[in-house]
Protein backbone atom coordinates (compact mmCIF):
# COMPACT_ATOMS: atom_id res chain seq x y z
CA UNK A 1 -0.09 -0.01 0.14
CA UNK A 2 0.97 3.19 -0.81
CA UNK A 3 -0.30 5.60 1.70
CA UNK A 4 1.47 6.22 4.83
CA UNK A 5 -0.34 5.03 7.78
CA UNK A 6 -1.66 7.07 10.88
CA UNK A 7 -1.41 3.98 13.59
CA UNK A 8 1.01 1.49 13.68
CA UNK A 9 -0.09 -1.85 15.40
CA UNK A 10 3.16 -3.57 16.52
CA UNK A 11 1.99 -6.86 18.41
CA UNK A 12 1.07 -10.10 17.82
CA UNK A 13 -1.15 -11.58 14.72
CA UNK A 14 -3.01 -14.70 14.06
CA UNK A 15 -7.10 -15.48 13.54
CA UNK A 16 -8.78 -18.71 14.38
CA UNK A 17 -12.57 -19.79 14.30
CA UNK A 18 -14.25 -18.59 17.31
CA UNK A 19 -14.47 -19.57 21.28
CA UNK A 20 -16.49 -22.06 23.11
CA UNK A 21 -20.20 -21.76 24.65
CA UNK A 22 -21.18 -23.16 28.09
CA UNK A 23 -23.95 -22.43 30.06
CA UNK A 24 -20.92 -21.67 32.74
CA UNK A 25 -17.60 -21.15 33.65
CA UNK A 26 -15.78 -24.16 34.75
CA UNK A 27 -13.99 -24.02 38.51
CA UNK A 28 -10.84 -26.17 38.96
CA UNK A 29 -11.37 -29.60 39.20
CA UNK A 30 -15.20 -29.27 37.32
CA UNK A 31 -16.03 -30.00 34.13
CA UNK A 32 -18.64 -28.44 32.24
CA UNK A 33 -20.39 -29.50 29.02
CA UNK A 34 -19.84 -27.19 25.58
CA UNK A 35 -22.81 -26.34 24.16
CA UNK A 36 -21.70 -24.75 20.81
CA UNK A 37 -18.16 -23.70 19.10
CA UNK A 38 -16.58 -22.09 16.45
CA UNK A 39 -18.19 -19.07 17.46
CA UNK A 40 -17.50 -15.85 14.95
CA UNK A 41 -13.68 -15.28 14.29
CA UNK A 42 -10.75 -14.55 16.86
CA UNK A 43 -7.67 -12.49 16.26
CA UNK A 44 -4.81 -12.17 18.53
CA UNK A 45 -4.75 -9.14 20.08
CA UNK A 46 -2.43 -7.31 17.66
CA UNK A 47 -5.06 -8.44 14.39
CA UNK A 48 -8.14 -7.47 17.08
CA UNK A 49 -6.62 -3.78 17.64
CA UNK A 50 -5.58 -3.30 13.65
CA UNK A 51 -8.82 -4.75 12.55
CA UNK A 52 -10.95 -2.33 15.00
CA UNK A 53 -8.88 0.79 14.22
CA UNK A 54 -9.06 0.15 10.31
CA UNK A 55 -12.98 -0.28 10.88
CA UNK A 56 -13.23 2.81 12.99
CA UNK A 57 -11.47 5.12 9.67
CA UNK A 58 -8.06 5.19 10.23
CA UNK A 59 -5.27 4.33 8.05
CA UNK A 60 -3.42 1.44 9.85
CA UNK A 61 -0.05 -0.83 9.59
CA UNK A 62 0.00 -4.18 11.35
CA UNK A 63 3.88 -5.32 12.11
CA UNK A 64 4.29 -8.44 13.52
CA UNK A 65 6.74 -11.37 13.37
CA UNK A 66 4.79 -14.74 12.88
CA UNK A 67 5.74 -18.47 12.31
CA UNK A 68 3.33 -18.98 9.30
CA UNK A 69 0.83 -22.36 9.29
CA UNK A 70 -2.34 -23.33 7.94
CA UNK A 71 -4.22 -19.93 8.98
CA UNK A 72 -1.30 -17.64 7.42
CA UNK A 73 -3.10 -17.36 4.00
CA UNK A 74 -6.57 -16.78 5.92
CA UNK A 75 -5.30 -14.18 7.93
CA UNK A 76 -3.29 -12.13 4.96
CA UNK A 77 -6.36 -12.31 3.02
CA UNK A 78 -8.25 -10.53 5.68
CA UNK A 79 -5.58 -7.85 6.28
CA UNK A 80 -6.24 -7.25 2.05
CA UNK A 81 -9.73 -7.08 2.72
CA UNK A 82 -9.51 -4.57 5.50
CA UNK A 83 -6.96 -2.36 3.77
CA UNK A 84 -4.41 -2.73 6.53
CA UNK A 85 -0.64 -2.28 5.52
CA UNK A 86 1.08 -5.79 5.79
CA UNK A 87 4.40 -4.77 4.15
CA UNK A 88 5.69 -5.73 7.56
CA UNK A 89 4.21 -8.66 8.96
CA UNK A 90 6.97 -11.04 8.97
CA UNK A 91 6.78 -14.88 8.34
CA UNK A 92 9.47 -17.25 9.44
CA UNK A 93 9.24 -20.78 9.71
CA UNK A 94 8.84 -22.00 13.03
CA UNK A 95 7.91 -24.45 16.08
CA UNK A 96 4.97 -26.45 16.65
CA UNK A 97 2.35 -24.36 18.09
CA UNK A 98 -0.04 -25.35 21.05
CA UNK A 99 -3.53 -23.64 20.23
CA UNK A 100 -5.24 -21.48 22.66
CA UNK A 101 -8.79 -21.36 23.65
CA UNK A 102 -11.56 -19.13 24.52
CA UNK A 103 -14.50 -20.12 26.71
CA UNK A 104 -17.63 -17.98 26.74
CA UNK A 105 -20.56 -18.29 29.37
CA UNK A 106 -24.16 -17.30 29.11
CA UNK A 107 -23.57 -13.81 30.44
CA UNK A 108 -20.88 -13.34 27.93
CA UNK A 109 -18.05 -13.57 30.71
CA UNK A 110 -14.89 -15.60 29.50
CA UNK A 111 -11.88 -17.33 30.04
CA UNK A 112 -8.88 -17.20 27.48
CA UNK A 113 -5.88 -19.77 27.35
CA UNK A 114 -2.83 -17.80 24.62
CA UNK A 115 -1.69 -20.70 22.64
CA UNK A 116 2.15 -20.98 22.89
CA UNK A 117 2.93 -19.15 19.83
CA UNK A 118 0.99 -16.29 20.70
CA UNK A 119 3.82 -14.78 22.59
CA UNK A 120 5.88 -13.74 19.60
CA UNK A 121 8.94 -11.47 19.42
CA UNK A 122 9.79 -8.78 16.42
CA UNK A 123 13.76 -8.64 16.11
CA UNK A 124 15.47 -5.13 16.57
CA UNK A 125 16.22 -5.14 12.53
CA UNK A 126 12.31 -5.86 12.13
CA UNK A 127 11.20 -2.78 13.94
CA UNK A 128 13.84 -0.71 13.12
CA UNK A 129 13.01 -1.09 9.31
CA UNK A 130 9.29 -0.71 9.85
CA UNK A 131 8.91 2.44 12.33
CA UNK A 132 11.94 4.01 10.31
CA UNK A 133 9.83 3.66 6.94
CA UNK A 134 6.52 4.68 8.56
CA UNK A 135 8.12 7.01 10.88
CA UNK A 136 5.33 9.92 9.80
CA UNK A 137 2.25 7.70 11.80
CA UNK A 138 1.36 9.57 15.03
CA UNK A 139 0.48 6.41 17.25
CA UNK A 140 1.93 2.96 17.63
CA UNK A 141 -0.05 0.70 19.48
CA UNK A 142 1.92 -2.67 21.27
CA UNK A 143 1.23 -4.66 24.41
CA UNK A 144 2.47 -7.96 26.30
CA UNK A 145 1.36 -10.54 23.79
CA UNK A 146 4.62 -9.50 22.18
CA UNK A 147 7.77 -10.42 24.63
CA UNK A 148 8.89 -8.17 27.19
CA UNK A 149 12.22 -7.42 25.19
CA UNK A 150 10.59 -6.46 22.21
CA UNK A 151 7.94 -4.34 23.86
CA UNK A 152 10.68 -2.16 25.41
CA UNK A 153 12.92 -2.09 22.57
CA UNK A 154 9.55 -0.92 20.29
CA UNK A 155 8.39 1.83 22.57
CA UNK A 156 11.85 3.22 22.98
CA UNK A 157 12.62 3.19 18.76
CA UNK A 158 9.24 4.84 18.60
CA UNK A 159 9.95 7.81 21.09
CA UNK A 160 13.09 8.40 19.39
CA UNK A 161 11.46 8.62 16.47
CA UNK A 162 8.34 11.04 17.86
CA UNK A 163 5.48 8.26 17.34
CA UNK A 164 3.56 8.59 20.33
CA UNK A 165 3.01 5.29 21.89
CA UNK A 166 0.30 3.17 23.40
CA UNK A 167 1.10 0.38 25.52
CA UNK A 168 -1.62 -2.52 26.77
CA UNK A 169 0.12 -4.26 29.23
CA UNK A 170 -1.68 -7.91 28.97
CA UNK A 171 -0.91 -10.15 30.31
CA UNK A 172 0.56 -8.30 33.01
CA UNK A 173 3.94 -8.81 33.82
CA UNK A 174 5.42 -10.26 36.82
CA UNK A 175 8.28 -7.76 37.64
CA UNK A 176 8.10 -4.07 37.37
CA UNK A 177 8.67 -2.55 34.21
CA UNK A 178 11.62 0.07 34.02
CA UNK A 179 10.52 1.67 30.38
CA UNK A 180 7.13 2.85 30.99
CA UNK A 181 8.10 6.29 31.29
CA UNK A 182 8.67 6.09 27.68
CA UNK A 183 4.97 5.10 26.90
CA UNK A 184 2.37 7.91 25.96
CA UNK A 185 -0.94 6.22 26.99
CA UNK A 186 -0.78 3.15 29.23
CA UNK A 187 -4.47 1.21 28.78
CA UNK A 188 -5.21 -1.29 31.05
CA UNK A 189 -8.69 -2.99 32.57
CA UNK A 190 -9.37 -2.98 36.49
CA UNK A 191 -7.75 -6.62 37.35
CA UNK A 192 -4.58 -5.35 35.34
CA UNK A 193 -4.59 -2.25 37.00
CA UNK A 194 -4.90 -3.74 40.45
CA UNK A 195 -2.07 -5.77 39.84
CA UNK A 196 0.35 -3.18 38.47
CA UNK A 197 -0.22 -0.96 41.91
CA UNK A 198 0.74 -4.33 43.68
CA UNK A 199 3.89 -4.29 41.78
CA UNK A 200 4.75 -0.63 42.34
CA UNK A 201 4.02 -1.38 46.26
CA UNK A 202 1.15 0.32 46.12
CA UNK A 203 -2.64 -0.63 47.42
CA UNK A 204 -5.27 -1.39 44.86
CA UNK A 205 -8.39 0.78 45.09
CA UNK A 206 -11.85 1.02 43.91
CA UNK A 207 -11.69 4.90 43.67
CA UNK A 208 -10.51 4.73 39.41
CA UNK A 209 -9.51 8.52 39.47
CA UNK A 210 -6.68 7.95 42.33
CA UNK A 211 -5.85 4.48 40.64
CA UNK A 212 -5.11 6.19 37.18
CA UNK A 213 -3.19 8.86 39.30
CA UNK A 214 -1.59 6.42 41.21
CA UNK A 215 -0.50 4.72 38.44
CA UNK A 216 1.06 7.27 36.44
CA UNK A 217 2.87 8.39 39.57
CA UNK A 218 4.22 5.19 39.62
CA UNK A 219 5.24 4.35 35.90
CA UNK A 220 5.98 7.72 34.35
CA UNK A 221 3.49 6.99 31.74
CA UNK A 222 1.92 10.54 30.41
CA UNK A 223 -1.98 9.58 30.49
CA UNK A 224 -3.78 6.25 31.80
CA UNK A 225 -6.66 4.95 30.84
CA UNK A 226 -8.42 2.12 32.86
CA UNK A 227 -11.64 0.20 31.09
CA UNK A 228 -13.93 -0.95 33.82
CA UNK A 229 -15.89 -3.65 31.73
CA UNK A 230 -19.68 -2.71 31.29
CA UNK A 231 -19.31 -0.55 34.00
CA UNK A 232 -17.18 2.28 31.56
CA UNK A 233 -13.53 3.76 31.72
CA UNK A 234 -11.67 6.29 33.80
CA UNK A 235 -9.06 8.23 32.11
CA UNK A 236 -6.53 10.56 32.87
CA UNK A 237 -4.83 13.31 30.43
CA UNK A 238 -1.77 14.94 29.50
CA UNK A 239 -3.14 17.80 31.25
CA UNK A 240 -4.11 15.80 34.33
CA UNK A 241 -8.10 16.01 33.35
CA UNK A 242 -9.85 12.83 34.94
CA UNK A 243 -13.08 12.03 32.37
CA UNK A 244 -15.39 8.72 33.00
CA UNK A 245 -17.80 7.26 30.91
CA UNK A 246 -20.43 5.19 31.90
CA UNK A 247 -21.24 1.55 30.48
CA UNK A 248 -23.73 1.26 28.02
CA UNK A 249 -26.74 -1.38 29.24
CA UNK A 250 -26.59 -3.49 26.19
CA UNK A 251 -27.23 -7.28 26.03
CA UNK A 252 -24.26 -8.88 26.20
CA UNK A 253 -23.20 -12.01 24.26
CA UNK A 254 -19.59 -12.13 24.42
CA UNK A 255 -17.22 -9.90 25.66
CA UNK A 256 -13.85 -11.47 24.46
CA UNK A 257 -12.26 -8.95 22.33
CA UNK A 258 -13.87 -5.87 23.53
CA UNK A 259 -10.86 -4.43 25.09
CA UNK A 260 -9.24 -4.82 21.60
CA UNK A 261 -11.95 -3.06 19.96
CA UNK A 262 -11.89 -0.45 22.44
CA UNK A 263 -8.24 0.05 22.06
CA UNK A 264 -8.68 0.21 18.61
CA UNK A 265 -11.66 2.44 18.20
CA UNK A 266 -9.95 5.01 20.93
CA UNK A 267 -6.72 5.18 18.72
CA UNK A 268 -8.54 5.32 15.54
CA UNK A 269 -10.32 8.65 17.15
CA UNK A 270 -6.96 10.14 18.63
CA UNK A 271 -5.48 9.98 14.98
CA UNK A 272 -8.57 12.24 13.89
CA UNK A 273 -8.10 14.59 16.29
CA UNK A 274 -10.15 14.13 19.36
CA UNK A 275 -8.72 14.48 22.91
CA UNK A 276 -8.18 11.43 25.05
CA UNK A 277 -11.71 11.87 26.67
CA UNK A 278 -13.55 12.36 23.50
CA UNK A 279 -11.60 9.22 22.07
CA UNK A 280 -12.20 7.00 25.29
CA UNK A 281 -15.87 8.34 25.27
CA UNK A 282 -16.63 7.50 21.39
CA UNK A 283 -14.43 3.74 22.25
CA UNK A 284 -16.65 2.82 24.91
CA UNK A 285 -19.66 3.40 22.52
CA UNK A 286 -17.61 1.29 20.12
CA UNK A 287 -16.89 -1.60 22.48
CA UNK A 288 -20.92 -1.74 23.58
CA UNK A 289 -21.54 -2.83 19.63
CA UNK A 290 -19.39 -5.78 19.86
CA UNK A 291 -20.20 -7.58 22.91
CA UNK A 292 -23.61 -8.24 21.31
CA UNK A 293 -21.98 -10.20 18.98
CA UNK A 294 -19.60 -13.62 19.19
CA UNK A 295 -16.49 -13.57 18.09
CA UNK A 296 -13.24 -10.74 18.18
CA UNK A 297 -13.35 -9.72 14.87
CA UNK A 298 -16.69 -10.64 13.51
CA UNK A 299 -18.07 -8.54 16.25
CA UNK A 300 -16.19 -5.27 15.11
CA UNK A 301 -18.69 -2.89 13.76
CA UNK A 302 -17.66 -0.53 10.44
CA UNK A 303 -18.25 3.16 10.49
CA UNK A 304 -21.18 2.65 8.19
CA UNK A 305 -22.74 0.63 10.73
CA UNK A 306 -22.77 2.63 13.65
CA UNK A 307 -24.73 5.48 14.92
CA UNK A 308 -22.30 7.19 17.64
CA UNK A 309 -21.42 10.74 18.46
CA UNK A 310 -18.39 11.82 17.07
């Protein structure tokens, strides 16, 4: 593609058939019966965020290091259909992957087991080539489905090139990271926020404004977004302004990938010139649409399907 992207998603890449439906999520040692499977189309976090951002109106490029396999041709076809720049999806022969699994209950809650090939590494030379070729991009989105060393190098490289960084630390690290002062926007859910406060020797709180301020003070990132599932979000911007958004009342079928949808939609609105608070309000509405359908990619609406306030 010839057009330079607004957003670089440097992250993981994969697609698969959707999750398994059960009446209730199993407890340890409990056996439950599957009701149906193959619910929609699921992606790795990078694939999800890239598709959501593209469908929300942004020009997007995906940067990933993948092992290939039967899914790869299908995934590349998807990226072309979504008009996502795939020049820097680096495909390498790899070892056998153990597949992941998503289980969804009657309330739309889920349990997710990541496959062994999900935590992919981006080589430094791959990061250099991709970011230097697209340094007019406004935002670079990444997260901890990539290995930590890749994320740190990527964030520092983007900062050096003047590209704003957005980090989703999911799954959360077990050690306090030392590079989050290079992160422009930290996006995490309430469980992840509590975990990161504990790593910083802070006490979790249900006062979300206090949580956002504590996270920024502990890690040095410029702005913080805490997503609260059906209860909305809280964000703290670079001007020290707090914005809250209430969750929309909808019938949730499958919440899998709603956070990725929020992240992609938020970044698309930021790239279009919205403030952080405005972008989060819009993304909050976008995410409410996604939980009303099964799958991740299959649940992300296009702008033409939405009736959202800009």
